[in-house]
């Protein structure tokens, strides 16, 4: 991991982000900062651009205008190969429905990003078991996503996102498909593990109870972040 040059300012900054989907402007000059080890909730109604913001900040989508800076690197200036490497090693992404690979067991889903980063299969599987235990789903190693409850599958997705030791986790409505008890268990596991590892979390949510787990909250409305942030 790159422990480099973020000490003088935020670890991740999106500045003046603009992104349109056809004629619809999802982001209209959004600015947001995320500090190292900080949990930041981005709230707002459905259709306000929250997921688009997360996709731009994680390098999944390139903004039409504005810039994203991560640890001193301008994402829009990086080649796709380097962006893919960042997403594989320093960024972890969790979506509302987890997006586990249905043909793979829980252990293999968690082990996969480790193997892609060069870890041997046996070592990756052993590490996967430890991560599954950390998220309270030990015993589900050989279960496939269709054989697990929604809450179990989402905890497996979180284990996969954190297994590579990312510096930033982008959690896009991670409890949106869960009941309140499962959602609480998922958030407790995520926050505990992130705190333990010093991982920053960008938490996209429309749920005030989920946002309450964050250190700080900003709101996205009509493609603009409030309160207005001044990017460092």
C-alpha atoms as a PDB file:
ATOM      1  CA  UNK A   1       0.000   0.000   0.000  1.00  0.00           C
ATOM      2  CA  UNK A   2       1.052   3.569  -0.567  1.00  0.00           C
ATOM      3  CA  UNK A   3       1.497   5.270   2.776  1.00  0.00           C
ATOM      4  CA  UNK A   4       2.783   8.379   1.078  1.00  0.00           C
ATOM      5  CA  UNK A   5       1.775  11.922   0.779  1.00  0.00           C
ATOM      6  CA  UNK A   6      -1.673  12.442   2.254  1.00  0.00           C
ATOM      7  CA  UNK A   7      -0.548  13.838   5.612  1.00  0.00           C
ATOM      8  CA  UNK A   8      -0.809  17.479   4.520  1.00  0.00           C
ATOM      9  CA  UNK A   9      -4.431  17.217   3.453  1.00  0.00           C
ATOM     10  CA  UNK A  10      -7.329  14.891   2.647  1.00  0.00           C
ATOM     11  CA  UNK A  11      -6.596  11.410   1.375  1.00  0.00           C
ATOM     12  CA  UNK A  12      -9.246  11.737  -1.335  1.00  0.00           C
ATOM     13  CA  UNK A  13     -10.683  14.889  -2.884  1.00  0.00           C
ATOM     14  CA  UNK A  14     -13.302  15.333  -5.567  1.00  0.00           C
ATOM     15  CA  UNK A  15     -13.281  18.941  -6.735  1.00  0.00           C
ATOM     16  CA  UNK A  16     -16.002  20.557  -8.883  1.00  0.00           C
ATOM     17  CA  UNK A  17     -17.236  17.242 -10.257  1.00  0.00           C
ATOM     18  CA  UNK A  18     -19.636  17.364 -13.188  1.00  0.00           C
ATOM     19  CA  UNK A  19     -21.178  14.262 -14.731  1.00  0.00           C
ATOM     20  CA  UNK A  20     -24.160  13.869 -17.033  1.00  0.00           C
ATOM     21  CA  UNK A  21     -26.013  10.728 -18.075  1.00  0.00           C
ATOM     22  CA  UNK A  22     -27.474  11.748 -21.398  1.00  0.00           C
ATOM     23  CA  UNK A  23     -29.351  14.988 -20.752  1.00  0.00           C
ATOM     24  CA  UNK A  24     -29.535  14.397 -17.011  1.00  0.00           C
ATOM     25  CA  UNK A  25     -26.885  16.138 -14.931  1.00  0.00           C
ATOM     26  CA  UNK A  26     -26.118  13.817 -12.016  1.00  0.00           C
ATOM     27  CA  UNK A  27     -23.325  16.004 -10.619  1.00  0.00           C
ATOM     28  CA  UNK A  28     -23.188  19.779 -11.029  1.00  0.00           C
ATOM     29  CA  UNK A  29     -19.922  20.878  -9.449  1.00  0.00           C
ATOM     30  CA  UNK A  30     -19.827  18.565  -6.432  1.00  0.00           C
ATOM     31  CA  UNK A  31     -16.843  18.926  -4.085  1.00  0.00           C
ATOM     32  CA  UNK A  32     -16.098  16.458  -1.295  1.00  0.00           C
ATOM     33  CA  UNK A  33     -13.085  15.463   0.806  1.00  0.00           C
ATOM     34  CA  UNK A  34     -12.287  12.283   2.724  1.00  0.00           C
ATOM     35  CA  UNK A  35      -9.571  12.090   5.342  1.00  0.00           C
ATOM     36  CA  UNK A  36      -7.395   9.077   6.077  1.00  0.00           C
ATOM     37  CA  UNK A  37      -9.290   6.732   8.414  1.00  0.00           C
ATOM     38  CA  UNK A  38     -12.443   8.881   8.283  1.00  0.00           C
ATOM     39  CA  UNK A  39     -15.945   7.489   7.808  1.00  0.00           C
ATOM     40  CA  UNK A  40     -17.934   9.960   5.723  1.00  0.00           C
ATOM     41  CA  UNK A  41     -21.633   9.540   4.980  1.00  0.00           C
ATOM     42  CA  UNK A  42     -22.988  11.001   1.748  1.00  0.00           C
ATOM     43  CA  UNK A  43     -26.764  11.206   2.041  1.00  0.00           C
ATOM     44  CA  UNK A  44     -29.526  12.424  -0.218  1.00  0.00           C
ATOM     45  CA  UNK A  45     -32.706  11.284  -1.940  1.00  0.00           C
ATOM     46  CA  UNK A  46     -32.781   8.633  -4.641  1.00  0.00           C
ATOM     47  CA  UNK A  47     -31.597  10.060  -7.943  1.00  0.00           C
ATOM     48  CA  UNK A  48     -29.530  12.817  -6.337  1.00  0.00           C
ATOM     49  CA  UNK A  49     -26.251  11.547  -7.824  1.00  0.00           C
ATOM     50  CA  UNK A  50     -24.843   9.668  -4.819  1.00  0.00           C
ATOM     51  CA  UNK A  51     -23.807   6.559  -6.742  1.00  0.00           C
ATOM     52  CA  UNK A  52     -22.393   8.655  -9.571  1.00  0.00           C
ATOM     53  CA  UNK A  53     -20.286  10.539  -7.031  1.00  0.00           C
ATOM     54  CA  UNK A  54     -18.955   7.261  -5.597  1.00  0.00           C
ATOM     55  CA  UNK A  55     -18.178   5.964  -9.088  1.00  0.00           C
ATOM     56  CA  UNK A  56     -16.256   9.129  -9.967  1.00  0.00           C
ATOM     57  CA  UNK A  57     -14.318   9.164  -6.692  1.00  0.00           C
ATOM     58  CA  UNK A  58     -13.356   5.491  -7.072  1.00  0.00           C
ATOM     59  CA  UNK A  59     -12.228   5.862 -10.669  1.00  0.00           C
ATOM     60  CA  UNK A  60     -14.967   3.594 -12.033  1.00  0.00           C
ATOM     61  CA  UNK A  61     -16.379   6.549 -14.000  1.00  0.00           C
ATOM     62  CA  UNK A  62     -14.452   9.537 -15.344  1.00  0.00           C
ATOM     63  CA  UNK A  63     -16.205  12.875 -14.630  1.00  0.00           C
ATOM     64  CA  UNK A  64     -17.049  15.206 -17.503  1.00  0.00           C
ATOM     65  CA  UNK A  65     -15.357  18.051 -15.608  1.00  0.00           C
ATOM     66  CA  UNK A  66     -13.587  18.549 -12.303  1.00  0.00           C
ATOM     67  CA  UNK A  67     -10.874  16.421 -10.744  1.00  0.00           C
ATOM     68  CA  UNK A  68     -10.357  13.567  -8.307  1.00  0.00           C
ATOM     69  CA  UNK A  69      -7.122  13.453  -6.329  1.00  0.00           C
ATOM     70  CA  UNK A  70      -6.097  10.415  -4.316  1.00  0.00           C
ATOM     71  CA  UNK A  71      -2.876  10.502  -2.245  1.00  0.00           C
ATOM     72  CA  UNK A  72      -1.473  13.166  -4.544  1.00  0.00           C
ATOM     73  CA  UNK A  73      -2.482  11.391  -7.774  1.00  0.00           C
ATOM     74  CA  UNK A  74      -4.983  12.909 -10.203  1.00  0.00           C
ATOM     75  CA  UNK A  75      -7.158   9.972 -11.221  1.00  0.00           C
ATOM     76  CA  UNK A  76      -8.160  11.517 -14.542  1.00  0.00           C
ATOM     77  CA  UNK A  77      -4.483  11.626 -15.538  1.00  0.00           C
ATOM     78  CA  UNK A  78      -3.849   7.954 -14.799  1.00  0.00           C
ATOM     79  CA  UNK A  79      -3.962   5.264 -17.496  1.00  0.00           C
ATOM     80  CA  UNK A  80      -6.688   2.658 -17.163  1.00  0.00           C
ATOM     81  CA  UNK A  81      -4.135   0.032 -16.142  1.00  0.00           C
ATOM     82  CA  UNK A  82      -3.099   2.102 -13.096  1.00  0.00           C
ATOM     83  CA  UNK A  83      -6.742   2.839 -12.232  1.00  0.00           C
ATOM     84  CA  UNK A  84      -7.501  -0.888 -12.322  1.00  0.00           C
ATOM     85  CA  UNK A  85      -4.525  -1.507 -10.035  1.00  0.00           C
ATOM     86  CA  UNK A  86      -5.799   1.102  -7.555  1.00  0.00           C
ATOM     87  CA  UNK A  87      -9.268  -0.443  -7.532  1.00  0.00           C
ATOM     88  CA  UNK A  88      -7.744  -3.870  -6.999  1.00  0.00           C
ATOM     89  CA  UNK A  89      -5.323  -2.962  -4.191  1.00  0.00           C
ATOM     90  CA  UNK A  90      -6.087   0.390  -2.529  1.00  0.00           C
ATOM     91  CA  UNK A  91      -9.821   0.807  -3.143  1.00  0.00           C
ATOM     92  CA  UNK A  92     -12.535  -1.582  -1.983  1.00  0.00           C
ATOM     93  CA  UNK A  93     -16.054  -1.281  -3.376  1.00  0.00           C
ATOM     94  CA  UNK A  94     -19.275  -2.716  -1.932  1.00  0.00           C
ATOM     95  CA  UNK A  95     -22.613  -2.268  -3.682  1.00  0.00           C
ATOM     96  CA  UNK A  96     -26.172  -2.599  -2.380  1.00  0.00           C
ATOM     97  CA  UNK A  97     -26.500  -6.188  -3.605  1.00  0.00           C
ATOM     98  CA  UNK A  98     -22.897  -7.221  -2.924  1.00  0.00           C
ATOM     99  CA  UNK A  99     -22.263  -8.424  -6.490  1.00  0.00           C
ATOM    100  CA  UNK A 100     -20.607 -11.630  -5.409  1.00  0.00           C
ATOM    101  CA  UNK A 101     -19.736 -14.098  -8.159  1.00  0.00           C
ATOM    102  CA  UNK A 102     -22.610 -16.602  -7.914  1.00  0.00           C
ATOM    103  CA  UNK A 103     -20.593 -19.616  -9.106  1.00  0.00           C
ATOM    104  CA  UNK A 104     -17.919 -19.172  -6.412  1.00  0.00           C
ATOM    105  CA  UNK A 105     -18.097 -20.132  -2.750  1.00  0.00           C
ATOM    106  CA  UNK A 106     -17.871 -17.448  -0.069  1.00  0.00           C
ATOM    107  CA  UNK A 107     -14.227 -18.309   0.591  1.00  0.00           C
ATOM    108  CA  UNK A 108     -13.344 -18.168  -3.103  1.00  0.00           C
ATOM    109  CA  UNK A 109     -15.152 -14.838  -3.533  1.00  0.00           C
ATOM    110  CA  UNK A 110     -13.037 -13.343  -0.743  1.00  0.00           C
ATOM    111  CA  UNK A 111      -9.835 -15.055  -1.894  1.00  0.00           C
ATOM    112  CA  UNK A 112     -10.194 -13.929  -5.520  1.00  0.00           C
ATOM    113  CA  UNK A 113      -8.873 -10.336  -5.177  1.00  0.00           C
ATOM    114  CA  UNK A 114      -5.979 -11.647  -3.089  1.00  0.00           C
ATOM    115  CA  UNK A 115      -5.070 -14.144  -5.810  1.00  0.00           C
ATOM    116  CA  UNK A 116      -5.363 -11.437  -8.464  1.00  0.00           C
ATOM    117  CA  UNK A 117      -2.835  -9.456  -6.417  1.00  0.00           C
ATOM    118  CA  UNK A 118      -0.418 -12.397  -6.530  1.00  0.00           C
ATOM    119  CA  UNK A 119      -1.196 -14.370  -3.353  1.00  0.00           C
ATOM    120  CA  UNK A 120      -1.122 -18.159  -3.714  1.00  0.00           C
ATOM    121  CA  UNK A 121      -4.439 -19.999  -3.576  1.00  0.00           C
ATOM    122  CA  UNK A 122      -3.847 -21.794  -0.257  1.00  0.00           C
ATOM    123  CA  UNK A 123      -2.685 -18.618   1.474  1.00  0.00           C
ATOM    124  CA  UNK A 124      -5.539 -16.605  -0.034  1.00  0.00           C
ATOM    125  CA  UNK A 125      -8.102 -19.186   1.115  1.00  0.00           C
ATOM    126  CA  UNK A 126      -6.648 -19.149   4.633  1.00  0.00           C
ATOM    127  CA  UNK A 127      -6.821 -15.349   4.729  1.00  0.00           C
ATOM    128  CA  UNK A 128     -10.387 -15.502   3.395  1.00  0.00           C
ATOM    129  CA  UNK A 129     -11.382 -17.722   6.309  1.00  0.00           C
ATOM    130  CA  UNK A 130      -9.971 -15.185   8.760  1.00  0.00           C
ATOM    131  CA  UNK A 131     -11.891 -12.355   7.079  1.00  0.00           C
ATOM    132  CA  UNK A 132     -15.116 -14.339   7.071  1.00  0.00           C
ATOM    133  CA  UNK A 133     -14.675 -14.962  10.791  1.00  0.00           C
ATOM    134  CA  UNK A 134     -14.058 -11.257  11.363  1.00  0.00           C
ATOM    135  CA  UNK A 135     -17.380 -10.479   9.704  1.00  0.00           C
ATOM    136  CA  UNK A 136     -19.256 -13.176  11.581  1.00  0.00           C
ATOM    137  CA  UNK A 137     -19.810 -15.594   8.701  1.00  0.00           C
ATOM    138  CA  UNK A 138     -17.323 -18.324   9.563  1.00  0.00           C
ATOM    139  CA  UNK A 139     -18.923 -21.626   8.642  1.00  0.00           C
ATOM    140  CA  UNK A 140     -20.169 -20.234   5.317  1.00  0.00           C
ATOM    141  CA  UNK A 141     -16.861 -20.838   3.490  1.00  0.00           C
ATOM    142  CA  UNK A 142     -18.295 -23.393   1.054  1.00  0.00           C
ATOM    143  CA  UNK A 143     -21.701 -21.743   0.640  1.00  0.00           C
ATOM    144  CA  UNK A 144     -22.464 -20.003  -2.630  1.00  0.00           C
ATOM    145  CA  UNK A 145     -24.245 -16.623  -2.658  1.00  0.00           C
ATOM    146  CA  UNK A 146     -27.616 -18.196  -3.486  1.00  0.00           C
ATOM    147  CA  UNK A 147     -27.350 -20.401  -0.402  1.00  0.00           C
ATOM    148  CA  UNK A 148     -26.824 -17.495   2.022  1.00  0.00           C
ATOM    149  CA  UNK A 149     -29.163 -14.906   3.499  1.00  0.00           C
ATOM    150  CA  UNK A 150     -28.901 -11.343   2.229  1.00  0.00           C
ATOM    151  CA  UNK A 151     -27.113 -10.244   5.388  1.00  0.00           C
ATOM    152  CA  UNK A 152     -24.604 -13.095   5.169  1.00  0.00           C
ATOM    153  CA  UNK A 153     -23.893 -12.384   1.507  1.00  0.00           C
ATOM    154  CA  UNK A 154     -23.370  -8.688   2.205  1.00  0.00           C
ATOM    155  CA  UNK A 155     -20.905  -9.484   5.008  1.00  0.00           C
ATOM    156  CA  UNK A 156     -19.030 -11.741   2.591  1.00  0.00           C
ATOM    157  CA  UNK A 157     -18.942  -8.822   0.126  1.00  0.00           C
ATOM    158  CA  UNK A 158     -17.514  -6.573   2.846  1.00  0.00           C
ATOM    159  CA  UNK A 159     -14.903  -9.201   3.702  1.00  0.00           C
ATOM    160  CA  UNK A 160     -13.909  -9.330   0.037  1.00  0.00           C
ATOM    161  CA  UNK A 161     -13.669  -5.537  -0.181  1.00  0.00           C
ATOM    162  CA  UNK A 162     -11.444  -5.289   2.904  1.00  0.00           C
ATOM    163  CA  UNK A 163      -9.310  -8.408   2.415  1.00  0.00           C
ATOM    164  CA  UNK A 164      -6.691  -6.643   0.305  1.00  0.00           C
ATOM    165  CA  UNK A 165      -6.105  -3.990   2.978  1.00  0.00           C
ATOM    166  CA  UNK A 166      -7.489  -1.026   0.995  1.00  0.00           C
ATOM    167  CA  UNK A 167      -6.993   2.524   2.184  1.00  0.00           C
ATOM    168  CA  UNK A 168     -10.511   3.507   1.060  1.00  0.00           C
ATOM    169  CA  UNK A 169     -13.749   1.522   0.969  1.00  0.00           C
ATOM    170  CA  UNK A 170     -16.630   2.853  -1.122  1.00  0.00           C
ATOM    171  CA  UNK A 171     -19.847   1.412   0.348  1.00  0.00           C
ATOM    172  CA  UNK A 172     -22.810   2.245  -1.889  1.00  0.00           C
ATOM    173  CA  UNK A 173     -26.060   1.590   0.038  1.00  0.00           C
ATOM    174  CA  UNK A 174     -24.507  -1.472   1.729  1.00  0.00           C
ATOM    175  CA  UNK A 175     -27.638  -2.113   3.815  1.00  0.00           C
ATOM    176  CA  UNK A 176     -30.237  -1.068   1.254  1.00  0.00           C
ATOM    177  CA  UNK A 177     -31.374  -4.635   0.527  1.00  0.00           C
ATOM    178  CA  UNK A 178     -31.349  -5.791   4.169  1.00  0.00           C
ATOM    179  CA  UNK A 179     -33.785  -5.731   7.052  1.00  0.00           C
ATOM    180  CA  UNK A 180     -32.951  -3.500  10.006  1.00  0.00           C
ATOM    181  CA  UNK A 181     -31.284  -6.207  12.128  1.00  0.00           C
ATOM    182  CA  UNK A 182     -29.090  -7.500   9.293  1.00  0.00           C
ATOM    183  CA  UNK A 183     -28.281  -3.906   8.332  1.00  0.00           C
ATOM    184  CA  UNK A 184     -27.173  -3.126  11.868  1.00  0.00           C
ATOM    185  CA  UNK A 185     -24.955  -6.223  11.942  1.00  0.00           C
ATOM    186  CA  UNK A 186     -23.365  -5.305   8.605  1.00  0.00           C
ATOM    187  CA  UNK A 187     -22.685  -1.704   9.672  1.00  0.00           C
ATOM    188  CA  UNK A 188     -21.276  -2.742  13.045  1.00  0.00           C
ATOM    189  CA  UNK A 189     -18.899  -5.169  11.330  1.00  0.00           C
ATOM    190  CA  UNK A 190     -17.879  -2.610   8.702  1.00  0.00           C
ATOM    191  CA  UNK A 191     -17.202   0.203  11.175  1.00  0.00           C
ATOM    192  CA  UNK A 192     -15.347  -2.039  13.630  1.00  0.00           C
ATOM    193  CA  UNK A 193     -13.094  -3.471  10.928  1.00  0.00           C
ATOM    194  CA  UNK A 194     -12.470  -0.093   9.290  1.00  0.00           C
ATOM    195  CA  UNK A 195     -11.530   1.461  12.643  1.00  0.00           C
ATOM    196  CA  UNK A 196      -9.240  -1.459  13.422  1.00  0.00           C
ATOM    197  CA  UNK A 197      -7.444  -1.175  10.074  1.00  0.00           C
ATOM    198  CA  UNK A 198      -7.488   2.630   9.790  1.00  0.00           C
ATOM    199  CA  UNK A 199      -9.463   2.369   6.566  1.00  0.00           C
ATOM    200  CA  UNK A 200     -11.341   5.391   5.239  1.00  0.00           C
ATOM    201  CA  UNK A 201     -14.965   4.728   4.263  1.00  0.00           C
ATOM    202  CA  UNK A 202     -17.163   6.682   1.869  1.00  0.00           C
ATOM    203  CA  UNK A 203     -20.653   5.585   2.881  1.00  0.00           C
ATOM    204  CA  UNK A 204     -23.440   6.249   0.394  1.00  0.00           C
ATOM    205  CA  UNK A 205     -26.837   6.010   2.072  1.00  0.00           C
ATOM    206  CA  UNK A 206     -30.342   7.444   2.208  1.00  0.00           C
ATOM    207  CA  UNK A 207     -30.847   5.995   5.706  1.00  0.00           C
ATOM    208  CA  UNK A 208     -30.294   8.343   8.670  1.00  0.00           C
ATOM    209  CA  UNK A 209     -29.616   5.369  10.975  1.00  0.00           C
ATOM    210  CA  UNK A 210     -26.813   4.176   8.707  1.00  0.00           C
ATOM    211  CA  UNK A 211     -25.407   7.707   8.350  1.00  0.00           C
ATOM    212  CA  UNK A 212     -25.207   7.916  12.155  1.00  0.00           C
ATOM    213  CA  UNK A 213     -22.299   5.446  12.067  1.00  0.00           C
ATOM    214  CA  UNK A 214     -20.159   8.031  10.241  1.00  0.00           C
ATOM    215  CA  UNK A 215     -17.797  10.631  11.682  1.00  0.00           C
ATOM    216  CA  UNK A 216     -19.241  13.273   9.391  1.00  0.00           C
ATOM    217  CA  UNK A 217     -22.147  13.674   6.995  1.00  0.00           C
ATOM    218  CA  UNK A 218     -22.623  15.678   3.831  1.00  0.00           C
ATOM    219  CA  UNK A 219     -25.752  15.810   1.700  1.00  0.00           C
ATOM    220  CA  UNK A 220     -25.987  15.604  -2.061  1.00  0.00           C
ATOM    221  CA  UNK A 221     -28.951  17.388  -3.577  1.00  0.00           C
ATOM    222  CA  UNK A 222     -29.414  18.283  -7.249  1.00  0.00           C
ATOM    223  CA  UNK A 223     -25.817  17.245  -7.935  1.00  0.00           C
ATOM    224  CA  UNK A 224     -24.253  19.597  -5.377  1.00  0.00           C
ATOM    225  CA  UNK A 225     -22.773  18.712  -1.965  1.00  0.00           C
ATOM    226  CA  UNK A 226     -23.937  20.623   1.124  1.00  0.00           C
ATOM    227  CA  UNK A 227     -22.562  21.941   3.349  1.00  0.00           C
ATOM    228  CA  UNK A 228     -20.212  23.314   0.749  1.00  0.00           C
ATOM    229  CA  UNK A 229     -16.699  21.956   1.212  1.00  0.00           C
ATOM    230  CA  UNK A 230     -13.513  23.815   0.372  1.00  0.00           C
ATOM    231  CA  UNK A 231     -11.101  21.314  -1.153  1.00  0.00           C
ATOM    232  CA  UNK A 232      -7.554  21.482   0.164  1.00  0.00           C
END
